Amino acid sequence: MSVEQVTFLRVCNAYVVREDDGVTLVDTGPRRGLGGVQAAIARTGLPLRRILLTHAHSDHVAGVDDLIDDGVELIVGRRESRLMAGDLSLTGAEQRRIKARSVAAPTAIPTRLVSDGDLVGSLQVFDTPGHSPGHISLIDTRDGLLIAGDALTTLGRVAVSGDLIWRWPFPALLTWDKEAARQSAARLAELAPTRLATGHGPILDDAAAAIRAAVDRA
């Protein structure tokens, strides 16, 4: 399997993605879970080449400064990089105030900024604003796996970011723009992913149908 899900505290996920040149780590999870990430990387027998962040919330980026090293790229969406730099101002048609308490800023500086359509190894980038202004999601071009970050959650049931689930309410409570999140999720469904991997919850098969149902409920 080219992608391994690493789960912390039963609710937070990171993803170890095997590439020809080494490992891409998608999100880091919280610092207290770093041992699990490091063990998963070690099991591949490959070096960590890059850390790719879906968005700049603490449960996804808190381990960056502990994992970053010489020769390891730090990659983030172009819009989200402004949040990581502490810039909470709005751009263009954006209207909703950004919740400062939801943003975390590692001291490490991104080495590459990506946007819609870019490739990071086998992962294609899709801009999916909503949970945060610069949130990105990723499709593994080898097998159609969607790594959706917090654009969607699969904890309890499949839900669009902003759609409150009492078992795990935090993604909804920290969502920046629920309508933008719904539109982003609808776009992801149209990509017809084979499986769905999120920041919170298990990996699911029959992803496109599950996402469409979540969009209809949102």
N, C-alpha and C. Protein backbone atom coordinates (compact mmCIF):
# COMPACT_ATOMS: atom_id res chain seq x y z
N MET A 1 0.84 -1.19 0.00
CA MET A 1 0.00 0.00 0.00
C MET A 1 0.88 1.25 0.00
N SER A 2 0.52 2.23 -0.83
CA SER A 2 1.36 3.41 -0.98
C SER A 2 1.09 4.47 0.07
N VAL A 3 -0.04 4.39 0.78
CA VAL A 3 -0.40 5.38 1.79
C VAL A 3 -0.78 4.68 3.09
N GLU A 4 -0.18 5.13 4.20
CA GLU A 4 -0.53 4.60 5.51
C GLU A 4 -1.11 5.72 6.36
N GLN A 5 -2.25 5.44 6.96
CA GLN A 5 -2.87 6.37 7.90
C GLN A 5 -2.27 6.17 9.29
N VAL A 6 -1.86 7.27 9.91
CA VAL A 6 -1.35 7.24 11.28
C VAL A 6 -2.33 8.03 12.14
N THR A 7 -2.87 7.39 13.18
CA THR A 7 -3.93 8.00 13.99
C THR A 7 -3.43 8.30 15.40
N PHE A 8 -3.77 9.49 15.88
CA PHE A 8 -3.37 9.94 17.21
C PHE A 8 -4.62 10.14 18.06
N LEU A 9 -4.56 9.71 19.30
CA LEU A 9 -5.64 9.98 20.26
C LEU A 9 -7.00 9.53 19.72
N ARG A 10 -6.98 8.59 18.79
CA ARG A 10 -8.17 7.99 18.19
C ARG A 10 -8.94 8.91 17.25
N VAL A 11 -8.51 10.15 17.10
CA VAL A 11 -9.33 11.09 16.33
C VAL A 11 -8.57 11.90 15.28
N CYS A 12 -7.26 12.02 15.37
CA CYS A 12 -6.49 12.86 14.45
C CYS A 12 -5.59 12.01 13.56
N ASN A 13 -5.57 12.32 12.27
CA ASN A 13 -4.81 11.52 11.32
C ASN A 13 -3.73 12.31 10.60
N ALA A 14 -2.64 11.61 10.29
CA ALA A 14 -1.63 12.06 9.33
C ALA A 14 -1.46 10.92 8.33
N TYR A 15 -0.80 11.20 7.21
CA TYR A 15 -0.66 10.19 6.16
C TYR A 15 0.78 10.11 5.67
N VAL A 16 1.31 8.89 5.68
CA VAL A 16 2.65 8.61 5.18
C VAL A 16 2.49 8.07 3.76
N VAL A 17 2.97 8.84 2.79
CA VAL A 17 2.80 8.51 1.38
C VAL A 17 4.15 8.09 0.80
N ARG A 18 4.23 6.87 0.31
CA ARG A 18 5.46 6.37 -0.31
C ARG A 18 5.58 6.92 -1.73
N GLU A 19 6.74 7.48 -2.03
CA GLU A 19 7.07 7.93 -3.38
C GLU A 19 8.37 7.27 -3.80
N ASP A 20 8.72 7.39 -5.08
CA ASP A 20 9.94 6.76 -5.56
C ASP A 20 11.19 7.29 -4.86
N ASP A 21 11.16 8.56 -4.48
CA ASP A 21 12.35 9.17 -3.88
C ASP A 21 12.31 9.21 -2.36
N GLY A 22 11.22 8.73 -1.75
CA GLY A 22 11.11 8.78 -0.30
C GLY A 22 9.68 8.98 0.13
N VAL A 23 9.50 9.58 1.30
CA VAL A 23 8.18 9.72 1.91
C VAL A 23 7.70 11.17 1.85
N THR A 24 6.44 11.33 1.47
CA THR A 24 5.73 12.58 1.68
C THR A 24 4.82 12.40 2.88
N LEU A 25 4.96 13.24 3.89
CA LEU A 25 4.09 13.21 5.06
C LEU A 25 3.02 14.27 4.89
N VAL A 26 1.76 13.85 4.83
CA VAL A 26 0.65 14.79 4.71
C VAL A 26 0.12 15.08 6.11
N ASP A 27 0.35 16.30 6.56
CA ASP A 27 0.04 16.75 7.92
C ASP A 27 0.91 15.99 8.93
N THR A 28 1.04 16.56 10.10
CA THR A 28 1.91 15.95 11.12
C THR A 28 1.15 15.45 12.33
N GLY A 29 -0.08 15.93 12.52
CA GLY A 29 -0.78 15.63 13.75
C GLY A 29 -0.20 16.42 14.90
N PRO A 30 -0.71 16.20 16.11
CA PRO A 30 -0.21 16.90 17.30
C PRO A 30 1.16 16.39 17.71
N ARG A 31 1.88 17.19 18.46
CA ARG A 31 3.25 16.83 18.86
C ARG A 31 3.29 15.53 19.65
N ARG A 32 2.29 15.28 20.48
CA ARG A 32 2.32 14.09 21.32
C ARG A 32 2.22 12.80 20.50
N GLY A 33 1.89 12.91 19.22
CA GLY A 33 1.80 11.73 18.38
C GLY A 33 2.97 11.53 17.46
N LEU A 34 4.04 12.29 17.65
CA LEU A 34 5.17 12.23 16.73
C LEU A 34 5.82 10.86 16.69
N GLY A 35 5.81 10.14 17.79
CA GLY A 35 6.42 8.81 17.80
C GLY A 35 5.76 7.89 16.80
N GLY A 36 4.45 7.98 16.68
CA GLY A 36 3.74 7.15 15.71
C GLY A 36 4.08 7.50 14.28
N VAL A 37 4.22 8.79 14.01
CA VAL A 37 4.62 9.23 12.67
C VAL A 37 6.02 8.75 12.34
N GLN A 38 6.93 8.94 13.26
CA GLN A 38 8.32 8.53 13.01
C GLN A 38 8.43 7.02 12.82
N ALA A 39 7.64 6.26 13.57
CA ALA A 39 7.66 4.80 13.41
C ALA A 39 7.10 4.40 12.05
N ALA A 40 6.04 5.07 11.61
CA ALA A 40 5.46 4.75 10.30
C ALA A 40 6.42 5.07 9.17
N ILE A 41 7.12 6.19 9.29
CA ILE A 41 8.13 6.53 8.27
C ILE A 41 9.24 5.50 8.28
N ALA A 42 9.70 5.10 9.45
CA ALA A 42 10.78 4.12 9.56
C ALA A 42 10.38 2.79 8.93
N ARG A 43 9.11 2.41 9.05
CA ARG A 43 8.66 1.13 8.48
C ARG A 43 8.78 1.10 6.97
N THR A 44 8.75 2.26 6.33
CA THR A 44 8.86 2.28 4.87
C THR A 44 10.28 1.99 4.41
N GLY A 45 11.26 2.23 5.29
CA GLY A 45 12.66 2.10 4.89
C GLY A 45 13.12 3.22 3.98
N LEU A 46 12.32 4.28 3.89
CA LEU A 46 12.61 5.40 3.00
C LEU A 46 12.80 6.68 3.82
N PRO A 47 13.55 7.64 3.29
CA PRO A 47 13.74 8.90 4.02
C PRO A 47 12.53 9.82 3.88
N LEU A 48 12.33 10.67 4.88
CA LEU A 48 11.32 11.71 4.78
C LEU A 48 11.84 12.80 3.84
N ARG A 49 11.12 13.04 2.76
CA ARG A 49 11.55 14.03 1.77
C ARG A 49 10.77 15.34 1.88
N ARG A 50 9.50 15.25 2.28
CA ARG A 50 8.69 16.47 2.28
C ARG A 50 7.52 16.33 3.25
N ILE A 51 7.14 17.46 3.83
CA ILE A 51 5.94 17.58 4.64
C ILE A 51 4.97 18.47 3.88
N LEU A 52 3.78 17.96 3.63
CA LEU A 52 2.77 18.66 2.85
C LEU A 52 1.56 18.90 3.76
N LEU A 53 1.20 20.15 3.95
CA LEU A 53 0.15 20.52 4.90
C LEU A 53 -1.15 20.85 4.18
N THR A 54 -2.26 20.27 4.67
CA THR A 54 -3.56 20.59 4.08
C THR A 54 -4.06 21.96 4.54
N HIS A 55 -3.72 22.34 5.76
CA HIS A 55 -4.12 23.64 6.28
C HIS A 55 -3.38 23.91 7.59
N ALA A 56 -3.52 25.13 8.09
CA ALA A 56 -2.66 25.59 9.18
C ALA A 56 -3.36 25.57 10.54
N HIS A 57 -4.06 24.49 10.85
CA HIS A 57 -4.63 24.33 12.19
C HIS A 57 -3.70 23.46 13.02
N SER A 58 -3.69 23.68 14.33
CA SER A 58 -2.66 23.10 15.18
C SER A 58 -2.65 21.58 15.17
N ASP A 59 -3.81 20.94 15.03
CA ASP A 59 -3.83 19.48 15.05
C ASP A 59 -3.30 18.87 13.77
N HIS A 60 -2.93 19.72 12.82
CA HIS A 60 -2.36 19.25 11.55
C HIS A 60 -0.91 19.69 11.35
N VAL A 61 -0.47 20.71 12.07
CA VAL A 61 0.86 21.27 11.82
C VAL A 61 1.77 21.29 13.05
N ALA A 62 1.27 20.86 14.21
CA ALA A 62 2.02 21.06 15.45
C ALA A 62 3.35 20.33 15.48
N GLY A 63 3.49 19.28 14.69
CA GLY A 63 4.74 18.52 14.69
C GLY A 63 5.77 18.96 13.68
N VAL A 64 5.46 20.02 12.92
CA VAL A 64 6.36 20.43 11.83
C VAL A 64 7.77 20.72 12.34
N ASP A 65 7.89 21.55 13.35
CA ASP A 65 9.22 21.98 13.78
C ASP A 65 10.05 20.83 14.34
N ASP A 66 9.40 19.80 14.84
CA ASP A 66 10.14 18.64 15.35
C ASP A 66 10.60 17.71 14.22
N LEU A 67 9.88 17.71 13.11
CA LEU A 67 10.17 16.77 12.02
C LEU A 67 11.01 17.37 10.91
N ILE A 68 10.95 18.69 10.76
CA ILE A 68 11.66 19.32 9.65
C ILE A 68 13.17 19.18 9.86
N ASP A 69 13.89 19.01 8.77
CA ASP A 69 15.34 18.84 8.83
C ASP A 69 15.93 19.29 7.51
N ASP A 70 17.24 19.39 7.44
CA ASP A 70 17.88 19.76 6.19
C ASP A 70 17.48 18.76 5.11
N GLY A 71 17.11 19.28 3.97
CA GLY A 71 16.73 18.41 2.86
C GLY A 71 15.28 17.99 2.85
N VAL A 72 14.51 18.37 3.88
CA VAL A 72 13.08 18.06 3.93
C VAL A 72 12.31 19.31 3.52
N GLU A 73 11.52 19.19 2.46
CA GLU A 73 10.71 20.31 2.00
C GLU A 73 9.51 20.51 2.93
N LEU A 74 9.09 21.76 3.08
CA LEU A 74 7.84 22.08 3.76
C LEU A 74 6.94 22.76 2.73
N ILE A 75 5.84 22.10 2.41
CA ILE A 75 4.98 22.53 1.31
C ILE A 75 3.59 22.86 1.86
N VAL A 76 3.06 24.01 1.43
CA VAL A 76 1.75 24.46 1.91
C VAL A 76 1.05 25.18 0.77
N GLY A 77 -0.27 25.24 0.83
CA GLY A 77 -1.01 25.98 -0.17
C GLY A 77 -0.65 27.46 -0.17
N ARG A 78 -0.67 28.05 -1.34
CA ARG A 78 -0.25 29.45 -1.47
C ARG A 78 -1.09 30.38 -0.59
N ARG A 79 -2.41 30.21 -0.62
CA ARG A 79 -3.27 31.07 0.20
C ARG A 79 -3.04 30.80 1.69
N GLU A 80 -2.89 29.53 2.07
CA GLU A 80 -2.74 29.19 3.48
C GLU A 80 -1.42 29.67 4.05
N SER A 81 -0.43 29.86 3.18
CA SER A 81 0.87 30.32 3.67
C SER A 81 0.78 31.67 4.35
N ARG A 82 -0.17 32.49 3.93
CA ARG A 82 -0.36 33.79 4.59
C ARG A 82 -0.83 33.61 6.03
N LEU A 83 -1.70 32.64 6.26
CA LEU A 83 -2.14 32.38 7.64
C LEU A 83 -0.97 31.92 8.48
N MET A 84 -0.14 31.04 7.91
CA MET A 84 1.02 30.54 8.65
C MET A 84 2.00 31.65 8.99
N ALA A 85 1.98 32.71 8.19
CA ALA A 85 2.85 33.86 8.45
C ALA A 85 2.19 34.87 9.38
N GLY A 86 0.98 34.56 9.86
CA GLY A 86 0.30 35.44 10.80
C GLY A 86 -0.57 36.50 10.16
N ASP A 87 -0.78 36.42 8.84
CA ASP A 87 -1.59 37.40 8.12
C ASP A 87 -3.04 36.91 8.07
N LEU A 88 -3.93 37.56 8.84
CA LEU A 88 -5.34 37.17 8.89
C LEU A 88 -6.22 38.03 8.01
N SER A 89 -5.63 38.84 7.14
CA SER A 89 -6.43 39.70 6.27
C SER A 89 -7.12 38.87 5.19
N LEU A 90 -8.20 39.43 4.63
CA LEU A 90 -8.98 38.73 3.62
C LEU A 90 -8.52 39.14 2.23
N THR A 91 -8.86 38.29 1.26
CA THR A 91 -8.42 38.50 -0.11
C THR A 91 -9.61 38.42 -1.05
N GLY A 92 -9.70 39.31 -2.03
CA GLY A 92 -10.70 39.20 -3.08
C GLY A 92 -12.11 39.15 -2.54
N ALA A 93 -12.83 38.06 -2.89
CA ALA A 93 -14.23 37.92 -2.52
C ALA A 93 -14.43 37.38 -1.11
N GLU A 94 -13.35 37.09 -0.39
CA GLU A 94 -13.49 36.56 0.96
C GLU A 94 -14.16 37.59 1.87
N GLN A 95 -15.13 37.14 2.67
CA GLN A 95 -15.87 38.06 3.52
C GLN A 95 -15.85 37.69 4.99
N ARG A 96 -15.73 36.43 5.30
CA ARG A 96 -15.85 36.01 6.69
C ARG A 96 -14.53 36.20 7.43
N ARG A 97 -14.63 36.71 8.63
CA ARG A 97 -13.44 36.92 9.45
C ARG A 97 -12.77 35.58 9.76
N ILE A 98 -11.44 35.57 9.72
CA ILE A 98 -10.68 34.36 10.03
C ILE A 98 -10.52 34.25 11.54
N LYS A 99 -10.78 33.06 12.06
CA LYS A 99 -10.70 32.83 13.50
C LYS A 99 -9.24 32.62 13.91
N ALA A 100 -8.68 33.61 14.57
CA ALA A 100 -7.26 33.56 14.91
C ALA A 100 -6.93 32.37 15.79
N ARG A 101 -7.84 31.97 16.67
CA ARG A 101 -7.54 30.87 17.59
C ARG A 101 -7.39 29.53 16.89
N SER A 102 -7.84 29.46 15.63
CA SER A 102 -7.75 28.20 14.91
C SER A 102 -6.43 28.02 14.17
N VAL A 103 -5.64 29.10 14.07
CA VAL A 103 -4.44 29.08 13.24
C VAL A 103 -3.20 28.80 14.08
N ALA A 104 -2.34 27.94 13.56
CA ALA A 104 -1.06 27.66 14.21
C ALA A 104 0.06 27.99 13.23
N ALA A 105 1.17 28.47 13.74
CA ALA A 105 2.27 28.90 12.88
C ALA A 105 3.58 28.27 13.33
N PRO A 106 4.03 27.21 12.65
CA PRO A 106 5.36 26.66 12.95
C PRO A 106 6.42 27.72 12.66
N THR A 107 7.57 27.57 13.29
CA THR A 107 8.65 28.51 13.00
C THR A 107 9.31 28.19 11.66
N ALA A 108 9.23 26.93 11.22
CA ALA A 108 9.79 26.55 9.93
C ALA A 108 9.08 27.31 8.81
N ILE A 109 9.85 27.75 7.84
CA ILE A 109 9.31 28.53 6.72
C ILE A 109 9.07 27.60 5.54
N PRO A 110 7.89 27.68 4.91
CA PRO A 110 7.63 26.83 3.74
C PRO A 110 8.68 27.03 2.66
N THR A 111 9.06 25.94 2.03
CA THR A 111 10.03 26.00 0.94
C THR A 111 9.36 25.96 -0.42
N ARG A 112 8.07 25.60 -0.45
CA ARG A 112 7.34 25.54 -1.71
C ARG A 112 5.87 25.85 -1.44
N LEU A 113 5.29 26.69 -2.28
CA LEU A 113 3.87 27.01 -2.21
C LEU A 113 3.16 26.39 -3.40
N VAL A 114 2.01 25.78 -3.15
CA VAL A 114 1.29 25.08 -4.23
C VAL A 114 -0.12 25.62 -4.34
N SER A 115 -0.72 25.36 -5.48
CA SER A 115 -2.11 25.75 -5.71
C SER A 115 -2.75 24.77 -6.67
N ASP A 116 -3.99 25.02 -7.00
CA ASP A 116 -4.82 24.09 -7.75
C ASP A 116 -4.11 23.54 -8.99
N GLY A 117 -4.07 22.21 -9.10
CA GLY A 117 -3.50 21.56 -10.26
C GLY A 117 -2.04 21.17 -10.13
N ASP A 118 -1.36 21.70 -9.13
CA ASP A 118 0.05 21.35 -8.95
C ASP A 118 0.19 19.89 -8.53
N LEU A 119 1.35 19.32 -8.81
CA LEU A 119 1.67 17.96 -8.40
C LEU A 119 2.79 17.98 -7.36
N VAL A 120 2.61 17.19 -6.33
CA VAL A 120 3.66 16.93 -5.34
C VAL A 120 3.89 15.43 -5.36
N GLY A 121 4.90 15.00 -6.09
CA GLY A 121 5.06 13.57 -6.33
C GLY A 121 3.84 13.04 -7.06
N SER A 122 3.18 12.04 -6.50
CA SER A 122 1.99 11.46 -7.12
C SER A 122 0.71 12.17 -6.70
N LEU A 123 0.80 13.17 -5.84
CA LEU A 123 -0.37 13.83 -5.28
C LEU A 123 -0.71 15.10 -6.06
N GLN A 124 -1.94 15.15 -6.58
CA GLN A 124 -2.40 16.35 -7.26
C GLN A 124 -3.15 17.24 -6.28
N VAL A 125 -2.86 18.53 -6.34
CA VAL A 125 -3.41 19.50 -5.39
C VAL A 125 -4.72 20.08 -5.93
N PHE A 126 -5.70 20.19 -5.03
CA PHE A 126 -6.96 20.85 -5.34
C PHE A 126 -7.25 21.88 -4.25
N ASP A 127 -7.49 23.12 -4.66
CA ASP A 127 -7.87 24.15 -3.70
C ASP A 127 -9.28 23.84 -3.20
N THR A 128 -9.43 23.71 -1.89
CA THR A 128 -10.74 23.40 -1.30
C THR A 128 -11.01 24.32 -0.12
N PRO A 129 -11.18 25.62 -0.38
CA PRO A 129 -11.43 26.56 0.71
C PRO A 129 -12.74 26.27 1.42
N GLY A 130 -12.80 26.66 2.67
CA GLY A 130 -14.01 26.47 3.46
C GLY A 130 -13.66 26.25 4.92
N HIS A 131 -13.03 25.12 5.20
CA HIS A 131 -12.59 24.89 6.58
C HIS A 131 -11.59 25.98 6.97
N SER A 132 -10.73 26.33 6.06
CA SER A 132 -9.86 27.50 6.18
C SER A 132 -9.78 28.13 4.79
N PRO A 133 -9.33 29.38 4.69
CA PRO A 133 -9.33 30.04 3.38
C PRO A 133 -8.45 29.36 2.34
N GLY A 134 -7.33 28.78 2.78
CA GLY A 134 -6.39 28.20 1.83
C GLY A 134 -6.28 26.70 1.93
N HIS A 135 -7.30 26.05 2.45
CA HIS A 135 -7.27 24.59 2.60
C HIS A 135 -7.06 23.92 1.24
N ILE A 136 -6.23 22.87 1.22
CA ILE A 136 -6.06 22.08 0.01
C ILE A 136 -6.38 20.62 0.30
N SER A 137 -6.81 19.92 -0.75
CA SER A 137 -7.00 18.48 -0.71
C SER A 137 -6.15 17.85 -1.79
N LEU A 138 -5.97 16.54 -1.72
CA LEU A 138 -4.99 15.85 -2.57
C LEU A 138 -5.59 14.57 -3.13
N ILE A 139 -5.36 14.33 -4.41
CA ILE A 139 -5.73 13.06 -5.04
C ILE A 139 -4.45 12.32 -5.41
N ASP A 140 -4.34 11.07 -4.96
CA ASP A 140 -3.22 10.23 -5.38
C ASP A 140 -3.52 9.75 -6.79
N THR A 141 -2.73 10.21 -7.75
CA THR A 141 -2.99 9.90 -9.15
C THR A 141 -2.76 8.44 -9.49
N ARG A 142 -2.16 7.69 -8.58
CA ARG A 142 -1.90 6.27 -8.83
C ARG A 142 -3.14 5.42 -8.62
N ASP A 143 -3.98 5.80 -7.67
CA ASP A 143 -5.12 4.93 -7.35
C ASP A 143 -6.41 5.67 -7.01
N GLY A 144 -6.41 6.99 -7.10
CA GLY A 144 -7.64 7.74 -6.88
C GLY A 144 -8.00 8.01 -5.44
N LEU A 145 -7.10 7.70 -4.49
CA LEU A 145 -7.36 8.01 -3.09
C LEU A 145 -7.41 9.52 -2.89
N LEU A 146 -8.44 10.00 -2.21
CA LEU A 146 -8.56 11.41 -1.87
C LEU A 146 -8.15 11.62 -0.42
N ILE A 147 -7.13 12.46 -0.21
CA ILE A 147 -6.76 12.91 1.13
C ILE A 147 -7.37 14.30 1.28
N ALA A 148 -8.44 14.38 2.06
CA ALA A 148 -9.27 15.58 2.09
C ALA A 148 -8.96 16.51 3.24
N GLY A 149 -7.99 16.16 4.10
CA GLY A 149 -7.75 17.01 5.26
C GLY A 149 -9.03 17.18 6.06
N ASP A 150 -9.38 18.43 6.36
CA ASP A 150 -10.63 18.70 7.09
C ASP A 150 -11.72 19.25 6.18
N ALA A 151 -11.54 19.13 4.86
CA ALA A 151 -12.64 19.48 3.96
C ALA A 151 -13.83 18.58 4.21
N LEU A 152 -13.54 17.37 4.68
CA LEU A 152 -14.56 16.39 5.06
C LEU A 152 -14.08 15.67 6.31
N THR A 153 -15.00 15.05 7.02
CA THR A 153 -14.63 14.18 8.13
C THR A 153 -15.36 12.86 7.99
N THR A 154 -14.75 11.79 8.47
CA THR A 154 -15.40 10.47 8.45
C THR A 154 -15.57 9.93 9.87
N LEU A 155 -15.45 10.78 10.85
CA LEU A 155 -15.57 10.35 12.24
C LEU A 155 -17.04 10.44 12.66
N GLY A 156 -17.66 9.31 12.92
CA GLY A 156 -19.09 9.26 13.20
C GLY A 156 -19.88 9.01 11.94
N ARG A 157 -19.80 9.91 11.00
CA ARG A 157 -20.36 9.74 9.65
C ARG A 157 -19.60 10.69 8.73
N VAL A 158 -19.77 10.50 7.44
CA VAL A 158 -19.13 11.40 6.49
C VAL A 158 -19.86 12.74 6.53
N ALA A 159 -19.10 13.81 6.71
CA ALA A 159 -19.72 15.13 6.81
C ALA A 159 -18.82 16.17 6.18
N VAL A 160 -19.46 17.19 5.62
CA VAL A 160 -18.75 18.36 5.10
C VAL A 160 -18.28 19.20 6.27
N SER A 161 -17.10 19.78 6.15
CA SER A 161 -16.60 20.68 7.18
C SER A 161 -17.62 21.78 7.43
N GLY A 162 -17.95 22.02 8.68
CA GLY A 162 -18.97 22.99 9.03
C GLY A 162 -20.28 22.36 9.41
N ASP A 163 -20.48 21.08 9.02
CA ASP A 163 -21.67 20.33 9.39
C ASP A 163 -21.40 19.67 10.74
N LEU A 164 -22.10 20.10 11.76
CA LEU A 164 -21.77 19.72 13.14
C LEU A 164 -22.08 18.25 13.41
N ILE A 165 -21.07 17.54 13.93
CA ILE A 165 -21.22 16.16 14.40
C ILE A 165 -20.85 16.17 15.88
N TRP A 166 -21.76 15.78 16.74
CA TRP A 166 -21.53 15.91 18.17
C TRP A 166 -20.39 15.03 18.66
N ARG A 167 -20.16 13.89 17.98
CA ARG A 167 -19.07 13.03 18.42
C ARG A 167 -17.72 13.72 18.27
N TRP A 168 -17.59 14.57 17.26
CA TRP A 168 -16.33 15.30 17.03
C TRP A 168 -16.67 16.66 16.44
N PRO A 169 -17.06 17.63 17.27
CA PRO A 169 -17.58 18.90 16.78
C PRO A 169 -16.54 19.90 16.33
N PHE A 170 -15.27 19.67 16.65
CA PHE A 170 -14.25 20.71 16.46
C PHE A 170 -14.04 21.13 15.01
N PRO A 171 -14.02 20.22 14.02
CA PRO A 171 -13.89 20.70 12.64
C PRO A 171 -14.99 21.67 12.25
N ALA A 172 -16.22 21.40 12.70
CA ALA A 172 -17.32 22.31 12.38
C ALA A 172 -17.15 23.64 13.10
N LEU A 173 -16.79 23.58 14.37
CA LEU A 173 -16.66 24.81 15.16
C LEU A 173 -15.53 25.70 14.65
N LEU A 174 -14.52 25.11 14.05
CA LEU A 174 -13.37 25.88 13.56
C LEU A 174 -13.45 26.20 12.08
N THR A 175 -14.56 25.81 11.44
CA THR A 175 -14.69 26.06 10.00
C THR A 175 -14.89 27.54 9.73
N TRP A 176 -14.16 28.03 8.76
CA TRP A 176 -14.17 29.46 8.42
C TRP A 176 -15.43 29.84 7.64
N ASP A 177 -15.81 29.06 6.61
CA ASP A 177 -16.93 29.42 5.73
C ASP A 177 -17.63 28.13 5.31
N LYS A 178 -18.77 27.84 5.93
CA LYS A 178 -19.45 26.57 5.68
C LYS A 178 -19.92 26.44 4.24
N GLU A 179 -20.43 27.51 3.65
CA GLU A 179 -20.91 27.41 2.27
C GLU A 179 -19.75 27.14 1.31
N ALA A 180 -18.63 27.80 1.53
CA ALA A 180 -17.45 27.50 0.69
C ALA A 180 -17.03 26.06 0.88
N ALA A 181 -17.11 25.55 2.11
CA ALA A 181 -16.76 24.15 2.37
C ALA A 181 -17.69 23.21 1.62
N ARG A 182 -18.98 23.53 1.58
CA ARG A 182 -19.94 22.69 0.86
C ARG A 182 -19.62 22.67 -0.63
N GLN A 183 -19.30 23.82 -1.19
CA GLN A 183 -18.96 23.89 -2.61
C GLN A 183 -17.68 23.11 -2.91
N SER A 184 -16.71 23.20 -2.01
CA SER A 184 -15.47 22.44 -2.21
C SER A 184 -15.73 20.95 -2.15
N ALA A 185 -16.57 20.51 -1.22
CA ALA A 185 -16.89 19.09 -1.11
C ALA A 185 -17.62 18.60 -2.36
N ALA A 186 -18.51 19.42 -2.89
CA ALA A 186 -19.21 19.04 -4.12
C ALA A 186 -18.21 18.86 -5.27
N ARG A 187 -17.23 19.72 -5.32
CA ARG A 187 -16.20 19.58 -6.35
C ARG A 187 -15.41 18.28 -6.16
N LEU A 188 -15.09 17.95 -4.93
CA LEU A 188 -14.34 16.72 -4.67
C LEU A 188 -15.15 15.49 -5.09
N ALA A 189 -16.45 15.51 -4.88
CA ALA A 189 -17.29 14.38 -5.30
C ALA A 189 -17.22 14.20 -6.81
N GLU A 190 -17.16 15.30 -7.55
CA GLU A 190 -17.11 15.23 -9.01
C GLU A 190 -15.81 14.61 -9.52
N LEU A 191 -14.78 14.60 -8.69
CA LEU A 191 -13.51 13.98 -9.09
C LEU A 191 -13.58 12.46 -9.05
N ALA A 192 -14.66 11.92 -8.50
CA ALA A 192 -14.89 10.47 -8.41
C ALA A 192 -13.74 9.73 -7.75
N PRO A 193 -13.35 10.14 -6.55
CA PRO A 193 -12.27 9.43 -5.86
C PRO A 193 -12.69 8.01 -5.50
N THR A 194 -11.70 7.12 -5.44
CA THR A 194 -11.99 5.72 -5.10
C THR A 194 -12.18 5.52 -3.61
N ARG A 195 -11.35 6.20 -2.82
CA ARG A 195 -11.41 6.09 -1.36
C ARG A 195 -11.26 7.49 -0.76
N LEU A 196 -11.73 7.63 0.46
CA LEU A 196 -11.70 8.92 1.14
C LEU A 196 -10.90 8.81 2.44
N ALA A 197 -9.86 9.63 2.55
CA ALA A 197 -9.04 9.71 3.76
C ALA A 197 -9.12 11.14 4.28
N THR A 198 -9.43 11.29 5.56
CA THR A 198 -9.64 12.62 6.12
C THR A 198 -8.75 12.85 7.34
N GLY A 199 -8.81 14.06 7.85
CA GLY A 199 -8.04 14.38 9.04
C GLY A 199 -8.58 13.77 10.31
N HIS A 200 -9.84 13.34 10.26
CA HIS A 200 -10.49 12.78 11.44
C HIS A 200 -11.43 11.67 11.01
N GLY A 201 -11.08 10.43 11.35
CA GLY A 201 -11.92 9.30 11.02
C GLY A 201 -11.23 8.30 10.12
N PRO A 202 -11.86 7.14 9.90
CA PRO A 202 -11.24 6.07 9.11
C PRO A 202 -11.27 6.35 7.61
N ILE A 203 -10.44 5.61 6.88
CA ILE A 203 -10.47 5.65 5.42
C ILE A 203 -11.70 4.87 4.94
N LEU A 204 -12.44 5.45 3.99
CA LEU A 204 -13.66 4.83 3.50
C LEU A 204 -13.57 4.51 2.02
N ASP A 205 -14.19 3.39 1.63
CA ASP A 205 -14.38 3.07 0.22
C ASP A 205 -15.64 3.76 -0.30
N ASP A 206 -15.92 3.58 -1.60
CA ASP A 206 -17.11 4.18 -2.22
C ASP A 206 -17.19 5.66 -1.90
N ALA A 207 -16.06 6.33 -2.11
CA ALA A 207 -15.90 7.71 -1.62
C ALA A 207 -16.85 8.70 -2.29
N ALA A 208 -16.98 8.63 -3.61
CA ALA A 208 -17.77 9.64 -4.31
C ALA A 208 -19.21 9.65 -3.84
N ALA A 209 -19.81 8.48 -3.68
CA ALA A 209 -21.20 8.41 -3.23
C ALA A 209 -21.34 8.94 -1.81
N ALA A 210 -20.38 8.62 -0.96
CA ALA A 210 -20.42 9.10 0.43
C ALA A 210 -20.29 10.61 0.50
N ILE A 211 -19.44 11.18 -0.34
CA ILE A 211 -19.26 12.64 -0.34
C ILE A 211 -20.52 13.32 -0.87
N ARG A 212 -21.10 12.78 -1.94
CA ARG A 212 -22.33 13.37 -2.48
C ARG A 212 -23.44 13.39 -1.42
N ALA A 213 -23.56 12.30 -0.68
CA ALA A 213 -24.58 12.25 0.37
C ALA A 213 -24.30 13.29 1.45
N ALA A 214 -23.03 13.48 1.79
CA ALA A 214 -22.67 14.48 2.80
C ALA A 214 -22.99 15.89 2.31
N VAL A 215 -22.73 16.16 1.04
CA VAL A 215 -23.04 17.47 0.47
C VAL A 215 -24.54 17.72 0.53
N ASP A 216 -25.33 16.70 0.21
CA ASP A 216 -26.79 16.85 0.24
C ASP A 216 -27.29 17.15 1.65
N ARG A 217 -26.61 16.62 2.67
CA ARG A 217 -27.03 16.86 4.05
C ARG A 217 -26.59 18.22 4.58
N ALA A 218 -25.53 18.77 4.00
CA ALA A 218 -24.92 20.00 4.54
C ALA A 218 -25.83 21.22 4.37
